[in-house]
N, C-alpha and C. Protein backbone atom coordinates (compact mmCIF):
# COMPACT_ATOMS: atom_id res chain seq x y z
N MET A 1 -27.61 27.52 -19.16
CA MET A 1 -27.44 28.89 -19.62
C MET A 1 -25.96 29.24 -19.77
N LYS A 2 -25.12 28.67 -18.91
CA LYS A 2 -23.69 28.94 -19.01
C LYS A 2 -23.12 28.47 -20.34
N SER A 3 -23.57 27.30 -20.80
CA SER A 3 -23.04 26.79 -22.07
C SER A 3 -23.49 27.67 -23.23
N LEU A 4 -24.71 28.24 -23.15
CA LEU A 4 -25.18 29.15 -24.19
C LEU A 4 -24.29 30.38 -24.26
N LYS A 5 -23.93 30.92 -23.10
CA LYS A 5 -23.02 32.07 -23.06
C LYS A 5 -21.69 31.73 -23.71
N LYS A 6 -21.17 30.56 -23.37
CA LYS A 6 -19.88 30.13 -23.90
C LYS A 6 -19.95 29.96 -25.42
N TYR A 7 -21.00 29.30 -25.89
CA TYR A 7 -21.12 29.05 -27.33
C TYR A 7 -21.31 30.34 -28.11
N THR A 8 -22.07 31.28 -27.57
CA THR A 8 -22.27 32.54 -28.29
C THR A 8 -20.96 33.32 -28.38
N LYS A 9 -20.15 33.25 -27.33
CA LYS A 9 -18.84 33.93 -27.36
C LYS A 9 -17.91 33.28 -28.39
N VAL A 10 -17.93 31.96 -28.47
CA VAL A 10 -17.09 31.26 -29.43
C VAL A 10 -17.53 31.58 -30.85
N ILE A 11 -18.82 31.53 -31.11
CA ILE A 11 -19.34 31.85 -32.45
C ILE A 11 -19.03 33.29 -32.80
N PHE A 12 -19.20 34.20 -31.85
CA PHE A 12 -18.87 35.61 -32.07
C PHE A 12 -17.39 35.77 -32.43
N ALA A 13 -16.52 35.12 -31.67
CA ALA A 13 -15.08 35.23 -31.93
C ALA A 13 -14.72 34.67 -33.31
N LEU A 14 -15.28 33.50 -33.65
CA LEU A 14 -14.99 32.90 -34.95
C LEU A 14 -15.50 33.77 -36.10
N TYR A 15 -16.69 34.33 -35.95
CA TYR A 15 -17.23 35.18 -37.01
C TYR A 15 -16.43 36.47 -37.12
N THR A 16 -15.99 37.03 -36.00
CA THR A 16 -15.15 38.23 -36.03
C THR A 16 -13.86 37.94 -36.79
N ILE A 17 -13.24 36.82 -36.51
CA ILE A 17 -12.02 36.43 -37.22
C ILE A 17 -12.31 36.29 -38.72
N THR A 18 -13.43 35.68 -39.05
CA THR A 18 -13.82 35.52 -40.46
C THR A 18 -13.97 36.87 -41.14
N VAL A 19 -14.64 37.82 -40.49
CA VAL A 19 -14.83 39.16 -41.05
C VAL A 19 -13.48 39.82 -41.29
N VAL A 20 -12.59 39.74 -40.32
CA VAL A 20 -11.27 40.37 -40.44
C VAL A 20 -10.48 39.72 -41.58
N VAL A 21 -10.44 38.40 -41.61
CA VAL A 21 -9.67 37.70 -42.65
C VAL A 21 -10.24 38.00 -44.04
N LEU A 22 -11.56 37.92 -44.19
CA LEU A 22 -12.16 38.21 -45.50
C LEU A 22 -11.93 39.66 -45.92
N SER A 23 -11.80 40.54 -44.95
CA SER A 23 -11.60 41.96 -45.25
C SER A 23 -10.18 42.28 -45.68
N ILE A 24 -9.21 41.47 -45.26
CA ILE A 24 -7.82 41.81 -45.59
C ILE A 24 -7.17 40.85 -46.58
N LEU A 25 -7.89 39.79 -46.97
CA LEU A 25 -7.34 38.89 -47.99
C LEU A 25 -7.13 39.65 -49.29
N PRO A 26 -6.14 39.28 -50.07
CA PRO A 26 -5.94 39.93 -51.37
C PRO A 26 -7.16 39.74 -52.27
N SER A 27 -7.49 40.76 -53.04
CA SER A 27 -8.71 40.74 -53.84
C SER A 27 -8.69 39.69 -54.94
N PHE A 28 -7.52 39.31 -55.44
CA PHE A 28 -7.48 38.33 -56.53
C PHE A 28 -8.03 36.97 -56.11
N ILE A 29 -8.01 36.68 -54.83
CA ILE A 29 -8.55 35.41 -54.33
C ILE A 29 -10.04 35.30 -54.65
N PHE A 30 -10.75 36.40 -54.51
CA PHE A 30 -12.20 36.39 -54.74
C PHE A 30 -12.52 36.33 -56.24
N ARG A 31 -11.67 36.94 -57.06
CA ARG A 31 -11.91 36.92 -58.50
C ARG A 31 -11.73 35.54 -59.09
N ASN A 32 -10.92 34.70 -58.46
CA ASN A 32 -10.64 33.37 -58.99
C ASN A 32 -11.62 32.31 -58.48
N MET A 33 -12.57 32.70 -57.66
CA MET A 33 -13.55 31.74 -57.15
C MET A 33 -14.62 31.51 -58.22
N PRO A 34 -14.78 30.25 -58.65
CA PRO A 34 -15.76 30.00 -59.71
C PRO A 34 -17.20 30.23 -59.28
N TYR A 35 -17.49 30.13 -58.00
CA TYR A 35 -18.85 30.27 -57.51
C TYR A 35 -19.15 31.67 -56.99
N PHE A 36 -18.20 32.59 -57.06
CA PHE A 36 -18.43 33.95 -56.58
C PHE A 36 -19.29 34.69 -57.59
N PRO A 37 -20.41 35.29 -57.15
CA PRO A 37 -21.30 35.97 -58.10
C PRO A 37 -20.58 37.12 -58.82
N THR A 38 -20.96 37.32 -60.06
CA THR A 38 -20.29 38.36 -60.85
C THR A 38 -21.25 39.46 -61.29
N PHE A 39 -22.48 39.47 -60.78
CA PHE A 39 -23.42 40.53 -61.18
C PHE A 39 -22.97 41.87 -60.60
N SER A 40 -23.52 42.91 -61.17
CA SER A 40 -23.18 44.26 -60.72
C SER A 40 -23.51 44.42 -59.24
N TYR A 41 -22.62 44.99 -58.48
CA TYR A 41 -22.78 45.24 -57.04
C TYR A 41 -22.79 43.97 -56.20
N ALA A 42 -22.26 42.87 -56.73
CA ALA A 42 -22.22 41.62 -55.95
C ALA A 42 -21.44 41.81 -54.66
N ASP A 43 -20.35 42.61 -54.72
CA ASP A 43 -19.56 42.82 -53.51
C ASP A 43 -20.35 43.61 -52.47
N LYS A 44 -21.22 44.53 -52.89
CA LYS A 44 -22.03 45.29 -51.93
C LYS A 44 -23.06 44.38 -51.26
N VAL A 45 -23.63 43.46 -52.03
CA VAL A 45 -24.56 42.49 -51.45
C VAL A 45 -23.82 41.62 -50.43
N ALA A 46 -22.60 41.24 -50.77
CA ALA A 46 -21.79 40.44 -49.83
C ALA A 46 -21.53 41.22 -48.54
N HIS A 47 -21.24 42.53 -48.66
CA HIS A 47 -21.03 43.37 -47.47
C HIS A 47 -22.30 43.43 -46.63
N VAL A 48 -23.44 43.67 -47.26
CA VAL A 48 -24.71 43.75 -46.53
C VAL A 48 -24.96 42.45 -45.78
N LEU A 49 -24.82 41.32 -46.46
CA LEU A 49 -25.09 40.03 -45.82
C LEU A 49 -24.09 39.72 -44.71
N MET A 50 -22.81 40.01 -44.95
CA MET A 50 -21.80 39.72 -43.93
C MET A 50 -22.07 40.51 -42.65
N TYR A 51 -22.41 41.79 -42.79
CA TYR A 51 -22.64 42.61 -41.60
C TYR A 51 -24.04 42.40 -41.02
N PHE A 52 -25.00 41.94 -41.80
CA PHE A 52 -26.30 41.54 -41.28
C PHE A 52 -26.10 40.39 -40.28
N PHE A 53 -25.38 39.36 -40.71
CA PHE A 53 -25.14 38.22 -39.82
C PHE A 53 -24.21 38.59 -38.67
N TYR A 54 -23.27 39.50 -38.92
CA TYR A 54 -22.38 39.94 -37.84
C TYR A 54 -23.18 40.65 -36.75
N MET A 55 -24.13 41.47 -37.16
CA MET A 55 -24.98 42.16 -36.19
C MET A 55 -25.82 41.15 -35.41
N LEU A 56 -26.40 40.17 -36.12
CA LEU A 56 -27.19 39.15 -35.42
C LEU A 56 -26.35 38.41 -34.39
N ILE A 57 -25.18 37.97 -34.80
CA ILE A 57 -24.31 37.22 -33.89
C ILE A 57 -23.87 38.09 -32.72
N THR A 58 -23.50 39.34 -33.00
CA THR A 58 -23.07 40.25 -31.93
C THR A 58 -24.21 40.51 -30.96
N GLY A 59 -25.40 40.80 -31.48
CA GLY A 59 -26.55 41.07 -30.63
C GLY A 59 -26.95 39.87 -29.79
N ILE A 60 -26.97 38.70 -30.40
CA ILE A 60 -27.34 37.48 -29.67
C ILE A 60 -26.31 37.19 -28.58
N MET A 61 -25.03 37.36 -28.91
CA MET A 61 -23.98 37.12 -27.91
C MET A 61 -24.14 38.08 -26.73
N MET A 62 -24.36 39.36 -27.01
CA MET A 62 -24.53 40.34 -25.93
C MET A 62 -25.79 40.03 -25.11
N TYR A 63 -26.88 39.72 -25.79
CA TYR A 63 -28.14 39.41 -25.12
C TYR A 63 -27.99 38.17 -24.22
N ALA A 64 -27.34 37.13 -24.75
CA ALA A 64 -27.16 35.88 -23.99
C ALA A 64 -26.25 36.09 -22.78
N ASN A 65 -25.38 37.10 -22.85
CA ASN A 65 -24.46 37.36 -21.74
C ASN A 65 -24.97 38.46 -20.81
N GLY A 66 -26.26 38.78 -20.91
CA GLY A 66 -26.89 39.68 -19.96
C GLY A 66 -26.56 41.15 -20.11
N LYS A 67 -26.11 41.56 -21.27
CA LYS A 67 -25.79 42.97 -21.48
C LYS A 67 -27.07 43.79 -21.57
N LYS A 68 -27.00 45.02 -21.08
CA LYS A 68 -28.12 45.95 -21.16
C LYS A 68 -27.98 46.77 -22.43
N ARG A 69 -29.10 47.24 -22.94
CA ARG A 69 -29.12 48.08 -24.15
C ARG A 69 -28.31 47.44 -25.27
N VAL A 70 -28.65 46.20 -25.57
CA VAL A 70 -27.92 45.38 -26.53
C VAL A 70 -27.87 46.02 -27.91
N ILE A 71 -29.01 46.42 -28.43
CA ILE A 71 -29.06 46.88 -29.82
C ILE A 71 -28.18 48.10 -30.07
N PRO A 72 -28.27 49.17 -29.27
CA PRO A 72 -27.38 50.32 -29.56
C PRO A 72 -25.89 49.98 -29.49
N PHE A 73 -25.50 49.19 -28.49
CA PHE A 73 -24.09 48.83 -28.37
C PHE A 73 -23.65 47.91 -29.51
N ALA A 74 -24.50 46.96 -29.87
CA ALA A 74 -24.15 46.06 -30.97
C ALA A 74 -24.06 46.81 -32.29
N ILE A 75 -24.96 47.78 -32.51
CA ILE A 75 -24.90 48.60 -33.73
C ILE A 75 -23.59 49.38 -33.76
N LEU A 76 -23.27 50.06 -32.67
CA LEU A 76 -22.03 50.85 -32.62
C LEU A 76 -20.80 49.97 -32.84
N TYR A 77 -20.77 48.83 -32.19
CA TYR A 77 -19.63 47.94 -32.32
C TYR A 77 -19.49 47.44 -33.76
N THR A 78 -20.58 46.98 -34.34
CA THR A 78 -20.53 46.40 -35.68
C THR A 78 -20.17 47.45 -36.72
N ILE A 79 -20.72 48.65 -36.60
CA ILE A 79 -20.36 49.71 -37.53
C ILE A 79 -18.89 50.10 -37.35
N PHE A 80 -18.44 50.16 -36.10
CA PHE A 80 -17.03 50.46 -35.83
C PHE A 80 -16.11 49.46 -36.52
N VAL A 81 -16.43 48.17 -36.41
CA VAL A 81 -15.61 47.14 -37.06
C VAL A 81 -15.63 47.34 -38.58
N GLY A 82 -16.79 47.64 -39.14
CA GLY A 82 -16.89 47.87 -40.58
C GLY A 82 -16.04 49.03 -41.05
N VAL A 83 -16.09 50.14 -40.31
CA VAL A 83 -15.28 51.31 -40.66
C VAL A 83 -13.80 50.98 -40.49
N LEU A 84 -13.46 50.29 -39.41
CA LEU A 84 -12.06 49.92 -39.17
C LEU A 84 -11.52 49.03 -40.29
N MET A 85 -12.32 48.06 -40.74
CA MET A 85 -11.88 47.17 -41.82
C MET A 85 -11.68 47.95 -43.12
N GLU A 86 -12.57 48.90 -43.39
CA GLU A 86 -12.40 49.72 -44.60
C GLU A 86 -11.15 50.60 -44.49
N PHE A 87 -10.89 51.14 -43.31
CA PHE A 87 -9.68 51.93 -43.10
C PHE A 87 -8.45 51.06 -43.31
N CYS A 88 -8.47 49.84 -42.79
CA CYS A 88 -7.34 48.92 -42.99
C CYS A 88 -7.13 48.66 -44.48
N GLN A 89 -8.22 48.48 -45.21
CA GLN A 89 -8.09 48.25 -46.65
C GLN A 89 -7.48 49.46 -47.35
N MET A 90 -7.78 50.65 -46.87
CA MET A 90 -7.22 51.86 -47.46
C MET A 90 -5.71 51.96 -47.21
N THR A 91 -5.27 51.41 -46.09
CA THR A 91 -3.86 51.57 -45.71
C THR A 91 -2.98 50.39 -46.12
N ILE A 92 -3.58 49.23 -46.41
CA ILE A 92 -2.80 48.06 -46.82
C ILE A 92 -2.51 48.21 -48.31
N SER A 93 -1.25 48.14 -48.66
CA SER A 93 -0.91 48.26 -50.08
C SER A 93 -0.41 46.93 -50.62
N GLY A 94 -0.55 46.76 -51.91
CA GLY A 94 -0.01 45.58 -52.56
C GLY A 94 -0.89 44.36 -52.57
N VAL A 95 -2.08 44.43 -52.01
CA VAL A 95 -2.96 43.25 -52.01
C VAL A 95 -4.24 43.50 -52.83
N GLY A 96 -4.31 44.64 -53.48
CA GLY A 96 -5.45 44.92 -54.34
C GLY A 96 -6.73 45.26 -53.61
N ARG A 97 -6.64 45.65 -52.36
CA ARG A 97 -7.84 46.00 -51.58
C ARG A 97 -7.94 47.52 -51.49
N THR A 98 -9.14 48.03 -51.62
CA THR A 98 -9.38 49.46 -51.45
C THR A 98 -10.63 49.64 -50.62
N GLY A 99 -10.54 50.39 -49.59
CA GLY A 99 -11.70 50.70 -48.79
C GLY A 99 -12.52 51.78 -49.48
N SER A 100 -13.81 51.81 -49.22
CA SER A 100 -14.65 52.82 -49.87
C SER A 100 -15.82 53.20 -48.97
N MET A 101 -16.34 54.38 -49.23
CA MET A 101 -17.52 54.85 -48.51
C MET A 101 -18.73 53.98 -48.86
N GLU A 102 -18.79 53.50 -50.11
CA GLU A 102 -19.90 52.62 -50.51
C GLU A 102 -19.91 51.33 -49.70
N ASP A 103 -18.72 50.80 -49.41
CA ASP A 103 -18.64 49.59 -48.58
C ASP A 103 -19.07 49.88 -47.15
N ILE A 104 -18.71 51.05 -46.63
CA ILE A 104 -19.13 51.44 -45.28
C ILE A 104 -20.65 51.55 -45.23
N ILE A 105 -21.25 52.12 -46.27
CA ILE A 105 -22.71 52.24 -46.34
C ILE A 105 -23.35 50.86 -46.40
N ALA A 106 -22.79 49.96 -47.23
CA ALA A 106 -23.32 48.59 -47.33
C ALA A 106 -23.20 47.87 -45.99
N ASN A 107 -22.06 48.03 -45.31
CA ASN A 107 -21.89 47.42 -43.99
C ASN A 107 -22.93 47.95 -43.01
N THR A 108 -23.18 49.25 -43.06
CA THR A 108 -24.15 49.88 -42.16
C THR A 108 -25.57 49.42 -42.46
N ILE A 109 -25.91 49.27 -43.73
CA ILE A 109 -27.24 48.77 -44.11
C ILE A 109 -27.44 47.37 -43.55
N GLY A 110 -26.44 46.51 -43.69
CA GLY A 110 -26.53 45.16 -43.14
C GLY A 110 -26.67 45.18 -41.63
N THR A 111 -25.93 46.06 -40.98
CA THR A 111 -26.01 46.19 -39.52
C THR A 111 -27.40 46.63 -39.08
N ILE A 112 -27.95 47.64 -39.74
CA ILE A 112 -29.28 48.15 -39.37
C ILE A 112 -30.34 47.08 -39.63
N ALA A 113 -30.23 46.36 -40.75
CA ALA A 113 -31.19 45.28 -41.04
C ALA A 113 -31.13 44.20 -39.96
N GLY A 114 -29.92 43.85 -39.53
CA GLY A 114 -29.78 42.87 -38.44
C GLY A 114 -30.36 43.38 -37.14
N ALA A 115 -30.17 44.67 -36.86
CA ALA A 115 -30.72 45.27 -35.64
C ALA A 115 -32.25 45.24 -35.67
N ILE A 116 -32.82 45.51 -36.83
CA ILE A 116 -34.29 45.48 -36.96
C ILE A 116 -34.81 44.08 -36.69
N LEU A 117 -34.12 43.07 -37.24
CA LEU A 117 -34.55 41.69 -36.98
C LEU A 117 -34.43 41.33 -35.51
N ILE A 118 -33.35 41.72 -34.87
CA ILE A 118 -33.20 41.45 -33.43
C ILE A 118 -34.33 42.11 -32.65
N LYS A 119 -34.63 43.37 -32.97
CA LYS A 119 -35.71 44.09 -32.28
C LYS A 119 -37.04 43.38 -32.48
N MET A 120 -37.30 42.90 -33.69
CA MET A 120 -38.54 42.17 -33.96
C MET A 120 -38.61 40.88 -33.14
N ILE A 121 -37.50 40.17 -33.05
CA ILE A 121 -37.47 38.92 -32.28
C ILE A 121 -37.69 39.19 -30.80
N VAL A 122 -37.02 40.21 -30.26
CA VAL A 122 -37.16 40.55 -28.84
C VAL A 122 -38.60 40.99 -28.55
N ASN A 123 -39.18 41.81 -29.42
CA ASN A 123 -40.56 42.25 -29.21
C ASN A 123 -41.52 41.08 -29.28
N HIS A 124 -41.30 40.16 -30.21
CA HIS A 124 -42.16 38.98 -30.32
C HIS A 124 -42.04 38.12 -29.06
N LYS A 125 -40.82 37.95 -28.59
CA LYS A 125 -40.61 37.15 -27.37
C LYS A 125 -41.33 37.78 -26.18
N LYS A 126 -41.25 39.10 -26.04
CA LYS A 126 -41.93 39.79 -24.94
C LYS A 126 -43.45 39.62 -25.05
N ARG A 127 -43.97 39.72 -26.28
CA ARG A 127 -45.40 39.58 -26.50
C ARG A 127 -45.87 38.17 -26.15
N VAL A 128 -45.10 37.17 -26.58
CA VAL A 128 -45.46 35.77 -26.30
C VAL A 128 -45.42 35.52 -24.81
N LEU A 129 -44.40 36.00 -24.13
CA LEU A 129 -44.30 35.79 -22.69
C LEU A 129 -45.42 36.49 -21.94
N SER A 130 -45.81 37.69 -22.37
CA SER A 130 -46.87 38.42 -21.67
C SER A 130 -48.23 37.77 -21.91
N THR A 131 -48.47 37.21 -23.09
CA THR A 131 -49.76 36.56 -23.33
C THR A 131 -49.83 35.19 -22.66
N ASP A 132 -48.70 34.51 -22.51
CA ASP A 132 -48.70 33.22 -21.83
C ASP A 132 -49.12 33.36 -20.37
N PHE A 133 -48.69 34.44 -19.74
CA PHE A 133 -48.99 34.62 -18.32
C PHE A 133 -50.32 35.32 -18.10
N ALA A 134 -50.91 35.88 -19.15
CA ALA A 134 -52.17 36.58 -19.01
C ALA A 134 -53.35 35.61 -18.93
N ASP A 135 -53.17 34.39 -19.40
CA ASP A 135 -54.29 33.41 -19.41
C ASP A 135 -54.58 32.85 -18.06
């Protein structure tokens, strides 16, 4: 169990660094990627997915480390990071990044979707454990 705690913390730290770096990199880097999707709202889909996985990783890390009330704290933390990254984008000049309310909404949608999945997994685990011992 100790190694699980350690690995979840490492994965959480690495993903947090990834979120921060991707949030403050100059925007022209993403435009020059040949495999970056170009459909309408592709960046909003990227925000939803990035924060969906961030919520999952944050929730799993907190759960594995014995935290109480994991989902509310993980939601607050993940949304806070999303708002902070958008604020940073608003204040950083010269790199072509702009923070927006639409990005904050996309980050929040991803966070809530991740929270719903965590809740479903936890409820399923409780149900499986209760039926295993009922036999």
